Amino acid sequence: MLLNPAIAEAAVFDLPDDKWVQKVVAAVVPRAGVDLSSSGVIQHIKERLAGYKCPKQIFIVDSLPRNAAAKVLRKHLRAAFDGSSGSP
């Protein structure tokens, strides 16, 4: 099972990458009261998926941007983290 009990919700999206043109990354919202690290999330994923399927970077966020229909706004995530060092 891929689920991590410390994660409330997550969204996977792409960002520009110098080497591969685009890379897969994820924004993760921890459950209330949980101290979550990017490296811990990546380790959890790598134990369950092939390395090439793992997001290259994890961003820990308080919430995911959503529209009125409650869909995640990946374009807002891309804009927030494009060229980022790992934090909003």
PDB file of N, CA and C in Angstrom:
ATOM      1  N   MET A   1       0.847  -1.188   0.000  1.00  0.00           N
ATOM      2  CA  MET A   1       0.000   0.000   0.000  1.00  0.00           C
ATOM      3  C   MET A   1       0.883   1.238   0.000  1.00  0.00           C
ATOM      4  N   LEU A   2       0.555   2.191  -0.839  1.00  0.00           N
ATOM      5  CA  LEU A   2       1.359   3.386  -0.996  1.00  0.00           C
ATOM      6  C   LEU A   2       1.041   4.466   0.038  1.00  0.00           C
ATOM      7  N   LEU A   3      -0.122   4.434   0.621  1.00  0.00           N
ATOM      8  CA  LEU A   3      -0.545   5.490   1.542  1.00  0.00           C
ATOM      9  C   LEU A   3       0.374   5.615   2.739  1.00  0.00           C
ATOM     10  N   ASN A   4       0.606   6.838   3.139  1.00  0.00           N
ATOM     11  CA  ASN A   4       1.386   7.144   4.323  1.00  0.00           C
ATOM     12  C   ASN A   4       0.411   7.757   5.331  1.00  0.00           C
ATOM     13  N   PRO A   5       0.262   7.158   6.510  1.00  0.00           N
ATOM     14  CA  PRO A   5      -0.715   7.662   7.472  1.00  0.00           C
ATOM     15  C   PRO A   5      -0.418   9.078   7.972  1.00  0.00           C
ATOM     16  N   ALA A   6       0.786   9.580   7.739  1.00  0.00           N
ATOM     17  CA  ALA A   6       1.140  10.926   8.174  1.00  0.00           C
ATOM     18  C   ALA A   6       0.686  11.995   7.176  1.00  0.00           C
ATOM     19  N   ILE A   7       0.222  11.578   5.992  1.00  0.00           N
ATOM     20  CA  ILE A   7      -0.162  12.515   4.936  1.00  0.00           C
ATOM     21  C   ILE A   7      -1.680  12.622   4.840  1.00  0.00           C
ATOM     22  N   ALA A   8      -2.184  13.857   4.927  1.00  0.00           N
ATOM     23  CA  ALA A   8      -3.624  14.094   4.800  1.00  0.00           C
ATOM     24  C   ALA A   8      -4.043  14.117   3.337  1.00  0.00           C
ATOM     25  N   GLU A   9      -3.266  14.803   2.500  1.00  0.00           N
ATOM     26  CA  GLU A   9      -3.547  14.855   1.068  1.00  0.00           C
ATOM     27  C   GLU A   9      -2.284  15.252   0.321  1.00  0.00           C
ATOM     28  N   ALA A  10      -2.279  14.971  -0.976  1.00  0.00           N
ATOM     29  CA  ALA A  10      -1.119  15.280  -1.799  1.00  0.00           C
ATOM     30  C   ALA A  10      -1.553  15.530  -3.239  1.00  0.00           C
ATOM     31  N   ALA A  11      -0.710  16.245  -3.960  1.00  0.00           N
ATOM     32  CA  ALA A  11      -0.936  16.480  -5.384  1.00  0.00           C
ATOM     33  C   ALA A  11       0.401  16.349  -6.101  1.00  0.00           C
ATOM     34  N   VAL A  12       0.379  15.647  -7.205  1.00  0.00           N
ATOM     35  CA  VAL A  12       1.570  15.468  -8.028  1.00  0.00           C
ATOM     36  C   VAL A  12       1.442  16.396  -9.230  1.00  0.00           C
ATOM     37  N   PHE A  13       2.554  17.063  -9.571  1.00  0.00           N
ATOM     38  CA  PHE A  13       2.560  17.976 -10.709  1.00  0.00           C
ATOM     39  C   PHE A  13       3.966  18.032 -11.285  1.00  0.00           C
ATOM     40  N   ASP A  14       4.120  18.728 -12.390  1.00  0.00           N
ATOM     41  CA  ASP A  14       5.424  18.810 -13.036  1.00  0.00           C
ATOM     42  C   ASP A  14       6.005  20.206 -12.901  1.00  0.00           C
ATOM     43  N   LEU A  15       7.341  20.251 -12.928  1.00  0.00           N
ATOM     44  CA  LEU A  15       8.074  21.509 -12.941  1.00  0.00           C
ATOM     45  C   LEU A  15       9.147  21.429 -14.017  1.00  0.00           C
ATOM     46  N   PRO A  16       9.576  22.563 -14.543  1.00  0.00           N
ATOM     47  CA  PRO A  16      10.656  22.552 -15.526  1.00  0.00           C
ATOM     48  C   PRO A  16      11.932  21.972 -14.913  1.00  0.00           C
ATOM     49  N   ASP A  17      12.725  21.306 -15.755  1.00  0.00           N
ATOM     50  CA  ASP A  17      13.972  20.697 -15.302  1.00  0.00           C
ATOM     51  C   ASP A  17      15.022  20.886 -16.388  1.00  0.00           C
ATOM     52  N   ASP A  18      16.207  21.322 -16.008  1.00  0.00           N
ATOM     53  CA  ASP A  18      17.278  21.559 -16.980  1.00  0.00           C
ATOM     54  C   ASP A  18      17.724  20.282 -17.675  1.00  0.00           C
ATOM     55  N   LYS A  19      17.740  19.184 -16.948  1.00  0.00           N
ATOM     56  CA  LYS A  19      18.230  17.927 -17.524  1.00  0.00           C
ATOM     57  C   LYS A  19      17.154  17.185 -18.321  1.00  0.00           C
ATOM     58  N   TRP A  20      15.950  17.072 -17.778  1.00  0.00           N
ATOM     59  CA  TRP A  20      14.908  16.241 -18.379  1.00  0.00           C
ATOM     60  C   TRP A  20      13.760  17.031 -18.986  1.00  0.00           C
ATOM     61  N   VAL A  21      13.855  18.310 -19.071  1.00  0.00           N
ATOM     62  CA  VAL A  21      12.818  19.225 -19.549  1.00  0.00           C
ATOM     63  C   VAL A  21      11.742  19.422 -18.483  1.00  0.00           C
ATOM     64  N   GLN A  22      11.205  18.311 -17.951  1.00  0.00           N
ATOM     65  CA  GLN A  22      10.233  18.396 -16.860  1.00  0.00           C
ATOM     66  C   GLN A  22      10.530  17.305 -15.840  1.00  0.00           C
ATOM     67  N   LYS A  23      10.194  17.602 -14.582  1.00  0.00           N
ATOM     68  CA  LYS A  23      10.348  16.600 -13.526  1.00  0.00           C
ATOM     69  C   LYS A  23       9.046  16.505 -12.746  1.00  0.00           C
ATOM     70  N   VAL A  24       8.792  15.343 -12.189  1.00  0.00           N
ATOM     71  CA  VAL A  24       7.598  15.114 -11.384  1.00  0.00           C
ATOM     72  C   VAL A  24       7.933  15.454  -9.930  1.00  0.00           C
ATOM     73  N   VAL A  25       7.092  16.273  -9.328  1.00  0.00           N
ATOM     74  CA  VAL A  25       7.233  16.671  -7.928  1.00  0.00           C
ATOM     75  C   VAL A  25       5.874  16.500  -7.242  1.00  0.00           C
ATOM     76  N   ALA A  26       5.849  16.675  -5.936  1.00  0.00           N
ATOM     77  CA  ALA A  26       4.582  16.541  -5.209  1.00  0.00           C
ATOM     78  C   ALA A  26       4.497  17.582  -4.099  1.00  0.00           C
ATOM     79  N   ALA A  27       3.292  18.066  -3.858  1.00  0.00           N
ATOM     80  CA  ALA A  27       2.979  18.912  -2.710  1.00  0.00           C
ATOM     81  C   ALA A  27       2.197  18.037  -1.736  1.00  0.00           C
ATOM     82  N   VAL A  28       2.618  18.035  -0.481  1.00  0.00           N
ATOM     83  CA  VAL A  28       2.061  17.131   0.519  1.00  0.00           C
ATOM     84  C   VAL A  28       1.579  17.930   1.723  1.00  0.00           C
ATOM     85  N   VAL A  29       0.372  17.631   2.173  1.00  0.00           N
ATOM     86  CA  VAL A  29      -0.199  18.242   3.374  1.00  0.00           C
ATOM     87  C   VAL A  29      -0.147  17.209   4.493  1.00  0.00           C
ATOM     88  N   PRO A  30       0.596  17.484   5.570  1.00  0.00           N
ATOM     89  CA  PRO A  30       0.644  16.514   6.677  1.00  0.00           C
ATOM     90  C   PRO A  30      -0.652  16.526   7.484  1.00  0.00           C
ATOM     91  N   ARG A  31      -0.918  15.412   8.122  1.00  0.00           N
ATOM     92  CA  ARG A  31      -2.056  15.351   9.050  1.00  0.00           C
ATOM     93  C   ARG A  31      -1.769  16.280  10.228  1.00  0.00           C
ATOM     94  N   ALA A  32      -2.802  16.766  10.854  1.00  0.00           N
ATOM     95  CA  ALA A  32      -2.661  17.678  11.986  1.00  0.00           C
ATOM     96  C   ALA A  32      -1.784  17.048  13.072  1.00  0.00           C
ATOM     97  N   GLY A  33      -0.830  17.828  13.557  1.00  0.00           N
ATOM     98  CA  GLY A  33       0.024  17.383  14.647  1.00  0.00           C
ATOM     99  C   GLY A  33       1.166  16.467  14.239  1.00  0.00           C
ATOM    100  N   VAL A  34       1.335  16.238  12.941  1.00  0.00           N
ATOM    101  CA  VAL A  34       2.393  15.348  12.464  1.00  0.00           C
ATOM    102  C   VAL A  34       3.548  16.170  11.922  1.00  0.00           C
ATOM    103  N   ASP A  35       4.765  15.818  12.334  1.00  0.00           N
ATOM    104  CA  ASP A  35       5.967  16.458  11.814  1.00  0.00           C
ATOM    105  C   ASP A  35       6.452  15.617  10.644  1.00  0.00           C
ATOM    106  N   LEU A  36       6.380  16.161   9.451  1.00  0.00           N
ATOM    107  CA  LEU A  36       6.666  15.419   8.230  1.00  0.00           C
ATOM    108  C   LEU A  36       7.863  16.042   7.528  1.00  0.00           C
ATOM    109  N   SER A  37       8.761  15.212   7.008  1.00  0.00           N
ATOM    110  CA  SER A  37       9.912  15.719   6.274  1.00  0.00           C
ATOM    111  C   SER A  37       9.846  15.257   4.819  1.00  0.00           C
ATOM    112  N   SER A  38      10.395  16.054   3.940  1.00  0.00           N
ATOM    113  CA  SER A  38      10.441  15.703   2.516  1.00  0.00           C
ATOM    114  C   SER A  38      11.207  14.400   2.314  1.00  0.00           C
ATOM    115  N   SER A  39      12.335  14.269   3.001  1.00  0.00           N
ATOM    116  CA  SER A  39      13.149  13.060   2.839  1.00  0.00           C
ATOM    117  C   SER A  39      12.408  11.823   3.348  1.00  0.00           C
ATOM    118  N   GLY A  40      11.633  11.966   4.403  1.00  0.00           N
ATOM    119  CA  GLY A  40      10.845  10.847   4.917  1.00  0.00           C
ATOM    120  C   GLY A  40       9.765  10.405   3.945  1.00  0.00           C
ATOM    121  N   VAL A  41       9.142  11.373   3.286  1.00  0.00           N
ATOM    122  CA  VAL A  41       8.102  11.055   2.293  1.00  0.00           C
ATOM    123  C   VAL A  41       8.731  10.346   1.095  1.00  0.00           C
ATOM    124  N   ILE A  42       9.865  10.856   0.616  1.00  0.00           N
ATOM    125  CA  ILE A  42      10.540  10.213  -0.518  1.00  0.00           C
ATOM    126  C   ILE A  42      10.972   8.801  -0.161  1.00  0.00           C
ATOM    127  N   GLN A  43      11.490   8.610   1.037  1.00  0.00           N
ATOM    128  CA  GLN A  43      11.900   7.270   1.473  1.00  0.00           C
ATOM    129  C   GLN A  43      10.698   6.328   1.486  1.00  0.00           C
ATOM    130  N   HIS A  44       9.578   6.793   2.014  1.00  0.00           N
ATOM    131  CA  HIS A  44       8.349   5.981   2.057  1.00  0.00           C
ATOM    132  C   HIS A  44       7.930   5.566   0.644  1.00  0.00           C
ATOM    133  N   ILE A  45       7.981   6.492  -0.294  1.00  0.00           N
ATOM    134  CA  ILE A  45       7.584   6.203  -1.672  1.00  0.00           C
ATOM    135  C   ILE A  45       8.557   5.227  -2.319  1.00  0.00           C
ATOM    136  N   LYS A  46       9.869   5.451  -2.123  1.00  0.00           N
ATOM    137  CA  LYS A  46      10.882   4.591  -2.745  1.00  0.00           C
ATOM    138  C   LYS A  46      10.815   3.151  -2.244  1.00  0.00           C
ATOM    139  N   GLU A  47      10.293   2.954  -1.051  1.00  0.00           N
ATOM    140  CA  GLU A  47      10.126   1.595  -0.519  1.00  0.00           C
ATOM    141  C   GLU A  47       8.972   0.870  -1.194  1.00  0.00           C
ATOM    142  N   ARG A  48       8.124   1.615  -1.905  1.00  0.00           N
ATOM    143  CA  ARG A  48       6.923   1.033  -2.496  1.00  0.00           C
ATOM    144  C   ARG A  48       6.858   1.115  -4.018  1.00  0.00           C
ATOM    145  N   LEU A  49       7.635   2.011  -4.604  1.00  0.00           N
ATOM    146  CA  LEU A  49       7.615   2.195  -6.060  1.00  0.00           C
ATOM    147  C   LEU A  49       9.036   2.130  -6.619  1.00  0.00           C
ATOM    148  N   ALA A  50       9.131   1.851  -7.887  1.00  0.00           N
ATOM    149  CA  ALA A  50      10.420   1.911  -8.563  1.00  0.00           C
ATOM    150  C   ALA A  50      10.942   3.347  -8.497  1.00  0.00           C
ATOM    151  N   GLY A  51      12.241   3.510  -8.406  1.00  0.00           N
ATOM    152  CA  GLY A  51      12.851   4.818  -8.257  1.00  0.00           C
ATOM    153  C   GLY A  51      12.442   5.819  -9.318  1.00  0.00           C
ATOM    154  N   TYR A  52      12.292   5.358 -10.554  1.00  0.00           N
ATOM    155  CA  TYR A  52      11.935   6.281 -11.630  1.00  0.00           C
ATOM    156  C   TYR A  52      10.498   6.789 -11.510  1.00  0.00           C
ATOM    157  N   LYS A  53       9.680   6.163 -10.690  1.00  0.00           N
ATOM    158  CA  LYS A  53       8.302   6.607 -10.479  1.00  0.00           C
ATOM    159  C   LYS A  53       8.174   7.590  -9.311  1.00  0.00           C
ATOM    160  N   CYS A  54       9.219   7.756  -8.563  1.00  0.00           N
ATOM    161  CA  CYS A  54       9.203   8.603  -7.367  1.00  0.00           C
ATOM    162  C   CYS A  54       9.337  10.083  -7.743  1.00  0.00           C
ATOM    163  N   PRO A  55       8.552  10.956  -7.123  1.00  0.00           N
ATOM    164  CA  PRO A  55       8.740  12.391  -7.364  1.00  0.00           C
ATOM    165  C   PRO A  55      10.173  12.791  -7.025  1.00  0.00           C
ATOM    166  N   LYS A  56      10.717  13.696  -7.794  1.00  0.00           N
ATOM    167  CA  LYS A  56      12.092  14.146  -7.587  1.00  0.00           C
ATOM    168  C   LYS A  56      12.212  15.117  -6.426  1.00  0.00           C
ATOM    169  N   GLN A  57      11.100  15.731  -6.051  1.00  0.00           N
ATOM    170  CA  GLN A  57      11.109  16.708  -4.966  1.00  0.00           C
ATOM    171  C   GLN A  57       9.740  16.704  -4.291  1.00  0.00           C
ATOM    172  N   ILE A  58       9.753  16.905  -2.979  1.00  0.00           N
ATOM    173  CA  ILE A  58       8.523  16.969  -2.188  1.00  0.00           C
ATOM    174  C   ILE A  58       8.457  18.338  -1.521  1.00  0.00           C
ATOM    175  N   PHE A  59       7.315  18.970  -1.636  1.00  0.00           N
ATOM    176  CA  PHE A  59       7.079  20.248  -0.958  1.00  0.00           C
ATOM    177  C   PHE A  59       6.042  20.014   0.135  1.00  0.00           C
ATOM    178  N   ILE A  60       6.364  20.366   1.362  1.00  0.00           N
ATOM    179  CA  ILE A  60       5.424  20.257   2.482  1.00  0.00           C
ATOM    180  C   ILE A  60       4.637  21.573   2.531  1.00  0.00           C
ATOM    181  N   VAL A  61       3.320  21.483   2.444  1.00  0.00           N
ATOM    182  CA  VAL A  61       2.466  22.679   2.405  1.00  0.00           C
ATOM    183  C   VAL A  61       1.355  22.565   3.452  1.00  0.00           C
ATOM    184  N   ASP A  62       0.776  23.704   3.804  1.00  0.00           N
ATOM    185  CA  ASP A  62      -0.332  23.726   4.771  1.00  0.00           C
ATOM    186  C   ASP A  62      -1.643  23.283   4.138  1.00  0.00           C
ATOM    187  N   SER A  63      -1.811  23.621   2.850  1.00  0.00           N
ATOM    188  CA  SER A  63      -3.030  23.241   2.141  1.00  0.00           C
ATOM    189  C   SER A  63      -2.751  23.266   0.643  1.00  0.00           C
ATOM    190  N   LEU A  64      -3.623  22.617  -0.100  1.00  0.00           N
ATOM    191  CA  LEU A  64      -3.523  22.608  -1.559  1.00  0.00           C
ATOM    192  C   LEU A  64      -4.483  23.637  -2.132  1.00  0.00           C
ATOM    193  N   PRO A  65      -4.048  24.404  -3.138  1.00  0.00           N
ATOM    194  CA  PRO A  65      -4.957  25.379  -3.745  1.00  0.00           C
ATOM    195  C   PRO A  65      -6.064  24.658  -4.520  1.00  0.00           C
ATOM    196  N   ARG A  66      -7.290  25.096  -4.335  1.00  0.00           N
ATOM    197  CA  ARG A  66      -8.436  24.445  -4.982  1.00  0.00           C
ATOM    198  C   ARG A  66      -9.354  25.488  -5.602  1.00  0.00           C
ATOM    199  N   ASN A  67     -10.098  25.046  -6.604  1.00  0.00           N
ATOM    200  CA  ASN A  67     -11.103  25.921  -7.216  1.00  0.00           C
ATOM    201  C   ASN A  67     -12.452  25.703  -6.520  1.00  0.00           C
ATOM    202  N   ALA A  68     -13.492  26.342  -7.005  1.00  0.00           N
ATOM    203  CA  ALA A  68     -14.822  26.246  -6.387  1.00  0.00           C
ATOM    204  C   ALA A  68     -15.384  24.825  -6.409  1.00  0.00           C
ATOM    205  N   ALA A  69     -14.921  24.017  -7.364  1.00  0.00           N
ATOM    206  CA  ALA A  69     -15.372  22.621  -7.453  1.00  0.00           C
ATOM    207  C   ALA A  69     -14.467  21.683  -6.649  1.00  0.00           C
ATOM    208  N   ALA A  70     -13.573  22.249  -5.856  1.00  0.00           N
ATOM    209  CA  ALA A  70     -12.653  21.514  -4.986  1.00  0.00           C
ATOM    210  C   ALA A  70     -11.568  20.749  -5.737  1.00  0.00           C
ATOM    211  N   LYS A  71     -11.343  21.093  -7.001  1.00  0.00           N
ATOM    212  CA  LYS A  71     -10.251  20.471  -7.761  1.00  0.00           C
ATOM    213  C   LYS A  71      -8.947  21.188  -7.440  1.00  0.00           C
ATOM    214  N   VAL A  72      -7.873  20.401  -7.337  1.00  0.00           N
ATOM    215  CA  VAL A  72      -6.561  20.979  -7.058  1.00  0.00           C
ATOM    216  C   VAL A  72      -6.102  21.802  -8.255  1.00  0.00           C
ATOM    217  N   LEU A  73      -5.617  22.990  -7.975  1.00  0.00           N
ATOM    218  CA  LEU A  73      -5.134  23.896  -9.017  1.00  0.00           C
ATOM    219  C   LEU A  73      -3.625  23.708  -9.188  1.00  0.00           C
ATOM    220  N   ARG A  74      -3.264  22.760 -10.022  1.00  0.00           N
ATOM    221  CA  ARG A  74      -1.857  22.444 -10.233  1.00  0.00           C
ATOM    222  C   ARG A  74      -1.086  23.621 -10.821  1.00  0.00           C
ATOM    223  N   LYS A  75      -1.759  24.446 -11.623  1.00  0.00           N
ATOM    224  CA  LYS A  75      -1.072  25.615 -12.190  1.00  0.00           C
ATOM    225  C   LYS A  75      -0.629  26.566 -11.077  1.00  0.00           C
ATOM    226  N   HIS A  76      -1.384  26.644 -10.001  1.00  0.00           N
ATOM    227  CA  HIS A  76      -0.989  27.479  -8.866  1.00  0.00           C
ATOM    228  C   HIS A  76       0.202  26.860  -8.135  1.00  0.00           C
ATOM    229  N   LEU A  77       0.224  25.534  -8.034  1.00  0.00           N
ATOM    230  CA  LEU A  77       1.368  24.858  -7.424  1.00  0.00           C
ATOM    231  C   LEU A  77       2.616  25.086  -8.280  1.00  0.00           C
ATOM    232  N   ARG A  78       2.474  24.945  -9.593  1.00  0.00           N
ATOM    233  CA  ARG A  78       3.618  25.170 -10.494  1.00  0.00           C
ATOM    234  C   ARG A  78       4.158  26.590 -10.310  1.00  0.00           C
ATOM    235  N   ALA A  79       3.256  27.570 -10.275  1.00  0.00           N
ATOM    236  CA  ALA A  79       3.675  28.967 -10.132  1.00  0.00           C
ATOM    237  C   ALA A  79       4.363  29.204  -8.785  1.00  0.00           C
ATOM    238  N   ALA A  80       3.889  28.560  -7.736  1.00  0.00           N
ATOM    239  CA  ALA A  80       4.453  28.759  -6.401  1.00  0.00           C
ATOM    240  C   ALA A  80       5.837  28.135  -6.259  1.00  0.00           C
ATOM    241  N   PHE A  81       6.088  27.027  -6.965  1.00  0.00           N
ATOM    242  CA  PHE A  81       7.331  26.295  -6.749  1.00  0.00           C
ATOM    243  C   PHE A  81       8.283  26.295  -7.928  1.00  0.00           C
ATOM    244  N   ASP A  82       7.956  26.935  -9.001  1.00  0.00           N
ATOM    245  CA  ASP A  82       8.854  26.994 -10.153  1.00  0.00           C
ATOM    246  C   ASP A  82      10.125  27.722  -9.760  1.00  0.00           C
ATOM    247  N   GLY A  83      11.244  27.017  -9.797  1.00  0.00           N
ATOM    248  CA  GLY A  83      12.528  27.602  -9.419  1.00  0.00           C
ATOM    249  C   GLY A  83      12.732  27.685  -7.923  1.00  0.00           C
ATOM    250  N   SER A  84      11.875  27.042  -7.155  1.00  0.00           N
ATOM    251  CA  SER A  84      11.945  27.099  -5.700  1.00  0.00           C
ATOM    252  C   SER A  84      13.008  26.168  -5.156  1.00  0.00           C
ATOM    253  N   SER A  85      13.441  26.437  -3.952  1.00  0.00           N
ATOM    254  CA  SER A  85      14.421  25.571  -3.279  1.00  0.00           C
ATOM    255  C   SER A  85      13.750  24.540  -2.402  1.00  0.00           C
ATOM    256  N   GLY A  86      12.429  24.515  -2.336  1.00  0.00           N
ATOM    257  CA  GLY A  86      11.749  23.490  -1.556  1.00  0.00           C
ATOM    258  C   GLY A  86      10.721  24.010  -0.587  1.00  0.00           C
ATOM    259  N   SER A  87      10.532  25.323  -0.543  1.00  0.00           N
ATOM    260  CA  SER A  87       9.509  25.857   0.351  1.00  0.00           C
ATOM    261  C   SER A  87       8.733  26.944  -0.368  1.00  0.00           C
ATOM    262  N   PRO A  88       7.470  27.129   0.012  1.00  0.00           N
ATOM    263  CA  PRO A  88       6.646  28.141  -0.664  1.00  0.00           C
ATOM    264  C   PRO A  88       7.122  29.551  -0.418  1.00  0.00           C
TER     265      PRO A  88
END
